[in-house]
N, C-alpha and C. Protein backbone atom coordinates (compact mmCIF):
# COMPACT_ATOMS: atom_id res chain seq x y z
N MET A 1 54.68 -30.44 10.35
CA MET A 1 53.48 -30.20 10.12
C MET A 1 52.69 -30.09 11.54
N ALA A 2 51.86 -29.33 11.76
CA ALA A 2 51.07 -29.30 13.13
C ALA A 2 49.49 -29.40 12.79
N PHE A 3 48.97 -30.26 13.76
CA PHE A 3 47.45 -30.35 13.56
C PHE A 3 46.82 -29.53 14.82
N VAL A 4 45.70 -29.05 14.49
CA VAL A 4 45.19 -28.16 15.25
C VAL A 4 43.97 -28.97 15.78
N ASP A 5 43.59 -29.23 16.95
CA ASP A 5 42.43 -29.63 17.76
C ASP A 5 41.18 -28.58 17.43
N SER A 6 40.41 -29.06 16.54
CA SER A 6 39.34 -28.33 16.13
C SER A 6 38.23 -27.83 17.28
N ALA A 7 37.95 -28.89 17.99
CA ALA A 7 37.07 -28.46 19.28
C ALA A 7 37.81 -27.32 20.06
N LYS A 8 39.01 -27.21 20.13
CA LYS A 8 39.63 -26.23 21.04
C LYS A 8 39.84 -25.06 20.48
N VAL A 9 39.32 -24.84 19.18
CA VAL A 9 39.30 -23.64 18.51
C VAL A 9 37.81 -23.22 17.98
N ASN A 10 36.84 -24.01 18.65
CA ASN A 10 35.53 -23.73 18.27
C ASN A 10 35.01 -23.99 16.91
N LEU A 11 35.78 -25.04 16.07
CA LEU A 11 35.23 -25.45 14.86
C LEU A 11 35.21 -26.88 14.77
N SER A 12 34.32 -27.37 15.38
CA SER A 12 34.27 -28.83 15.65
C SER A 12 33.17 -29.61 14.47
N LEU A 13 32.43 -28.81 14.15
CA LEU A 13 31.42 -29.25 13.09
C LEU A 13 32.08 -29.33 11.46
N ASN A 14 31.94 -30.68 10.99
CA ASN A 14 32.10 -30.82 9.52
C ASN A 14 31.05 -30.98 8.74
N ILE A 15 30.82 -30.12 7.93
CA ILE A 15 29.84 -30.36 6.92
C ILE A 15 30.09 -30.87 5.61
N PHE A 16 29.43 -31.67 5.05
CA PHE A 16 30.03 -32.12 3.49
C PHE A 16 28.63 -31.45 2.91
N ALA A 17 29.16 -30.86 1.75
CA ALA A 17 28.14 -30.46 0.76
C ALA A 17 28.53 -30.88 -0.60
N ARG A 18 27.29 -31.40 -1.31
CA ARG A 18 27.48 -31.66 -2.69
C ARG A 18 26.90 -30.32 -3.62
N ILE A 19 27.59 -30.16 -4.54
CA ILE A 19 27.44 -28.95 -5.43
C ILE A 19 27.21 -29.22 -6.62
N TRP A 20 26.30 -28.82 -7.41
CA TRP A 20 25.32 -28.72 -8.68
C TRP A 20 25.67 -27.42 -9.45
N LEU A 21 26.36 -27.20 -10.64
CA LEU A 21 26.35 -26.03 -11.18
C LEU A 21 25.26 -26.09 -12.30
N LYS A 22 25.18 -24.83 -12.83
CA LYS A 22 24.05 -24.69 -13.60
C LYS A 22 24.56 -25.01 -15.08
N SER A 23 25.95 -24.98 -15.42
CA SER A 23 26.66 -25.52 -16.54
C SER A 23 27.89 -26.05 -16.02
N GLN A 24 28.37 -27.02 -17.05
CA GLN A 24 30.12 -27.40 -16.62
C GLN A 24 30.90 -26.83 -17.48
N ASP A 25 30.58 -25.59 -18.03
CA ASP A 25 31.56 -24.91 -19.11
C ASP A 25 32.57 -24.33 -18.35
N ALA A 26 33.87 -24.23 -18.96
CA ALA A 26 34.99 -23.55 -18.17
C ALA A 26 34.93 -22.20 -17.34
N GLU A 27 34.16 -21.48 -18.08
CA GLU A 27 33.81 -20.34 -17.03
C GLU A 27 33.04 -20.47 -16.06
N THR A 28 31.94 -21.20 -16.01
CA THR A 28 31.31 -21.27 -14.75
C THR A 28 32.18 -22.24 -13.69
N VAL A 29 32.96 -23.11 -14.22
CA VAL A 29 33.66 -23.91 -13.24
C VAL A 29 34.86 -23.04 -12.53
N ASP A 30 35.48 -22.30 -13.31
CA ASP A 30 36.38 -21.30 -12.97
C ASP A 30 35.78 -20.50 -11.98
N GLN A 31 34.83 -19.86 -12.03
CA GLN A 31 34.05 -18.95 -11.39
C GLN A 31 33.96 -19.55 -9.93
N PHE A 32 33.42 -20.81 -9.99
CA PHE A 32 33.11 -21.45 -8.78
C PHE A 32 34.62 -21.78 -8.00
N VAL A 33 35.36 -22.39 -8.80
CA VAL A 33 36.74 -22.52 -8.09
C VAL A 33 37.47 -21.39 -7.36
N ASP A 34 37.27 -20.29 -8.21
CA ASP A 34 37.84 -18.91 -7.84
C ASP A 34 37.07 -18.37 -6.29
N ALA A 35 35.83 -18.72 -6.30
CA ALA A 35 34.94 -18.28 -5.23
C ALA A 35 35.46 -18.94 -3.95
N ILE A 36 35.53 -20.29 -4.15
CA ILE A 36 35.84 -21.27 -3.05
C ILE A 36 37.16 -20.85 -2.31
N GLN A 37 37.98 -20.59 -3.41
CA GLN A 37 39.34 -20.22 -2.84
C GLN A 37 39.46 -19.28 -1.66
N ASP A 38 38.51 -18.34 -1.69
CA ASP A 38 38.49 -17.17 -0.83
C ASP A 38 37.47 -17.52 0.45
N MET A 39 37.22 -18.60 0.75
CA MET A 39 36.51 -19.05 1.86
C MET A 39 37.07 -19.81 2.62
N PRO A 40 37.59 -19.39 3.77
CA PRO A 40 38.55 -20.37 4.65
C PRO A 40 37.83 -21.49 5.27
N GLU A 41 36.20 -21.48 5.49
CA GLU A 41 35.48 -22.35 5.97
C GLU A 41 35.47 -23.68 5.05
N VAL A 42 35.82 -23.40 3.83
CA VAL A 42 35.88 -24.58 2.93
C VAL A 42 37.35 -25.09 3.10
N VAL A 43 37.54 -26.49 3.70
CA VAL A 43 38.85 -26.71 3.82
C VAL A 43 39.22 -27.84 2.65
N GLU A 44 38.35 -28.21 1.98
CA GLU A 44 38.43 -29.34 0.96
C GLU A 44 37.48 -29.12 0.03
N CYS A 45 37.88 -29.29 -1.32
CA CYS A 45 37.14 -29.06 -2.59
C CYS A 45 37.48 -30.13 -3.55
N GLN A 46 36.62 -30.92 -4.01
CA GLN A 46 36.84 -32.06 -5.08
C GLN A 46 35.85 -31.59 -5.97
N LEU A 47 36.51 -31.89 -7.33
CA LEU A 47 35.63 -31.77 -8.69
C LEU A 47 35.21 -33.26 -8.92
N MET A 48 34.17 -33.27 -9.17
CA MET A 48 33.76 -34.76 -9.07
C MET A 48 33.31 -35.15 -10.53
N ALA A 49 33.23 -36.71 -10.64
CA ALA A 49 32.72 -37.14 -11.76
C ALA A 49 31.66 -37.96 -11.13
N GLY A 50 30.52 -37.82 -11.77
CA GLY A 50 29.35 -38.71 -11.43
C GLY A 50 28.11 -37.65 -11.10
N ASP A 51 27.42 -37.93 -10.14
CA ASP A 51 26.14 -37.06 -9.83
C ASP A 51 26.24 -35.77 -9.55
N CYS A 52 27.00 -35.40 -8.75
CA CYS A 52 27.51 -34.04 -8.50
C CYS A 52 28.65 -33.39 -9.20
N ASP A 53 28.63 -31.92 -9.25
CA ASP A 53 29.93 -31.25 -9.83
C ASP A 53 31.06 -31.12 -8.62
N PHE A 54 30.78 -30.89 -7.63
CA PHE A 54 31.82 -30.60 -6.64
C PHE A 54 31.54 -31.22 -5.20
N PHE A 55 32.31 -31.56 -4.55
CA PHE A 55 32.15 -32.19 -3.19
C PHE A 55 33.02 -31.33 -2.32
N LEU A 56 32.37 -30.72 -1.10
CA LEU A 56 33.08 -29.94 -0.20
C LEU A 56 33.15 -30.43 1.20
N ARG A 57 34.02 -30.07 1.75
CA ARG A 57 34.25 -30.28 3.31
C ARG A 57 34.55 -28.94 3.84
N ILE A 58 33.42 -28.41 4.87
CA ILE A 58 33.43 -27.25 5.37
C ILE A 58 33.56 -27.26 6.85
N VAL A 59 34.07 -26.39 7.50
CA VAL A 59 34.43 -26.59 8.93
C VAL A 59 33.80 -25.19 9.51
N VAL A 60 33.07 -25.35 10.61
CA VAL A 60 32.29 -24.25 11.16
C VAL A 60 32.02 -24.67 12.81
N ALA A 61 31.70 -23.78 13.51
CA ALA A 61 31.46 -23.91 14.82
C ALA A 61 30.23 -24.89 15.17
N ASP A 62 29.19 -24.42 14.25
CA ASP A 62 27.76 -25.21 14.53
C ASP A 62 26.95 -24.86 13.57
N LEU A 63 25.60 -25.26 13.53
CA LEU A 63 24.64 -25.42 12.20
C LEU A 63 24.19 -24.06 11.72
N ASP A 64 24.33 -23.33 12.90
CA ASP A 64 23.62 -21.91 12.80
C ASP A 64 24.88 -21.17 11.91
N VAL A 65 25.99 -21.22 12.21
CA VAL A 65 27.03 -20.72 11.59
C VAL A 65 27.07 -21.23 10.21
N TYR A 66 26.98 -22.50 9.95
CA TYR A 66 26.95 -23.13 8.59
C TYR A 66 25.83 -22.43 7.71
N ARG A 67 24.40 -22.45 8.45
CA ARG A 67 23.49 -21.83 7.71
C ARG A 67 23.78 -20.42 7.18
N LYS A 68 24.28 -19.64 7.89
CA LYS A 68 24.63 -18.16 7.66
C LYS A 68 25.68 -18.26 6.49
N PHE A 69 26.67 -19.29 6.67
CA PHE A 69 27.70 -19.20 5.72
C PHE A 69 27.03 -19.64 4.27
N GLN A 70 26.20 -20.70 4.35
CA GLN A 70 25.51 -21.05 2.94
C GLN A 70 24.65 -20.07 2.47
N ILE A 71 23.85 -19.27 3.13
CA ILE A 71 23.09 -18.28 2.64
C ILE A 71 24.04 -17.10 2.23
N HIS A 72 24.80 -16.77 3.02
CA HIS A 72 25.49 -15.12 2.54
C HIS A 72 26.98 -15.45 1.79
N HIS A 73 27.34 -16.66 1.56
CA HIS A 73 28.57 -17.15 0.67
C HIS A 73 28.33 -18.03 -0.35
N LEU A 74 28.13 -19.18 0.16
CA LEU A 74 27.98 -20.30 -0.78
C LEU A 74 26.99 -20.15 -1.78
N ASN A 75 25.59 -19.81 -1.36
CA ASN A 75 24.53 -19.57 -2.46
C ASN A 75 24.65 -18.33 -3.37
N LYS A 76 25.58 -17.46 -3.00
CA LYS A 76 25.85 -16.32 -3.79
C LYS A 76 26.78 -16.34 -4.87
N ILE A 77 27.38 -17.61 -4.89
CA ILE A 77 28.35 -17.87 -6.06
C ILE A 77 27.70 -18.03 -7.18
N SER A 78 28.16 -17.34 -8.47
CA SER A 78 27.54 -17.35 -9.65
C SER A 78 27.59 -18.61 -10.27
N GLY A 79 26.50 -18.99 -11.14
CA GLY A 79 26.51 -20.39 -11.63
C GLY A 79 25.94 -21.71 -10.76
N LEU A 80 25.84 -21.31 -9.41
CA LEU A 80 25.49 -22.25 -8.52
C LEU A 80 23.90 -22.84 -8.86
N GLN A 81 23.59 -24.03 -8.98
CA GLN A 81 22.39 -24.38 -9.10
C GLN A 81 21.76 -25.10 -7.85
N ASN A 82 22.36 -25.75 -7.21
CA ASN A 82 21.94 -26.69 -6.03
C ASN A 82 22.92 -26.98 -5.11
N VAL A 83 22.71 -26.78 -3.73
CA VAL A 83 23.50 -27.45 -2.56
C VAL A 83 22.64 -28.62 -1.94
N LYS A 84 23.57 -29.48 -1.70
CA LYS A 84 22.71 -30.50 -0.77
C LYS A 84 23.82 -30.75 0.53
N THR A 85 23.26 -30.52 1.61
CA THR A 85 24.21 -30.67 2.74
C THR A 85 23.95 -31.94 3.38
N GLU A 86 25.33 -32.48 3.77
CA GLU A 86 25.27 -33.83 4.48
C GLU A 86 26.05 -33.51 5.76
N ILE A 87 25.20 -33.94 6.95
CA ILE A 87 25.76 -33.82 8.36
C ILE A 87 26.23 -35.31 8.65
N PRO A 88 27.32 -35.32 9.17
CA PRO A 88 27.87 -36.65 9.58
C PRO A 88 27.44 -36.72 11.07
N LEU A 89 27.18 -37.94 11.55
CA LEU A 89 26.61 -38.22 12.93
C LEU A 89 27.86 -38.58 13.81
N GLN A 90 28.63 -39.34 13.26
CA GLN A 90 29.90 -39.66 14.05
C GLN A 90 31.19 -39.81 13.08
N LYS A 91 32.31 -39.32 13.54
CA LYS A 91 33.50 -39.77 12.88
C LYS A 91 33.97 -41.05 13.22
N ILE A 92 34.22 -41.78 12.32
CA ILE A 92 34.58 -43.19 12.44
C ILE A 92 36.14 -43.26 12.28
N LYS A 93 36.53 -42.71 11.07
CA LYS A 93 38.14 -42.77 10.80
C LYS A 93 38.36 -41.48 9.89
N GLN A 94 39.53 -41.01 10.35
CA GLN A 94 40.29 -39.92 9.69
C GLN A 94 41.52 -39.88 9.78
N THR A 95 42.29 -40.05 8.85
CA THR A 95 43.86 -40.11 8.90
C THR A 95 44.54 -39.42 7.69
N THR A 96 45.67 -39.17 7.95
CA THR A 96 46.60 -38.38 6.81
C THR A 96 47.60 -39.26 6.37
N GLU A 97 47.58 -40.65 6.98
CA GLU A 97 48.64 -41.76 6.31
C GLU A 97 47.90 -42.12 5.00
N LEU A 98 49.12 -42.40 4.36
CA LEU A 98 49.00 -42.94 2.92
C LEU A 98 49.24 -44.60 2.94
N PRO A 99 48.52 -45.16 2.14
CA PRO A 99 48.68 -46.85 2.22
C PRO A 99 49.93 -47.03 1.36
N LEU A 100 51.11 -46.80 1.83
CA LEU A 100 52.29 -47.09 1.08
C LEU A 100 52.56 -48.47 0.95
N GLY A 101 52.11 -49.35 1.70
CA GLY A 101 52.42 -50.84 1.54
C GLY A 101 53.15 -51.26 2.46
């Protein structure tokens, strides 16, 4: 497995987005999941229990690129009710290692 230095390919901004759908029925959820699969900017998508329906990690070059992505792609997904964007200030820890004991 190879890891790419995101800064060297001008994709150094990680954005986290909490997603709420208009409904949690299978058709609405499936439409959202299918749409996200075709968006390379979305590098992680988690179906959530709790307050929001989905939690996304989106990788882009800068805030302007993210805003355009949100307007022209994310907000166009059928059944989307609300997006709350979280912008991290500093990466404290990121690992791919599992705590195998």
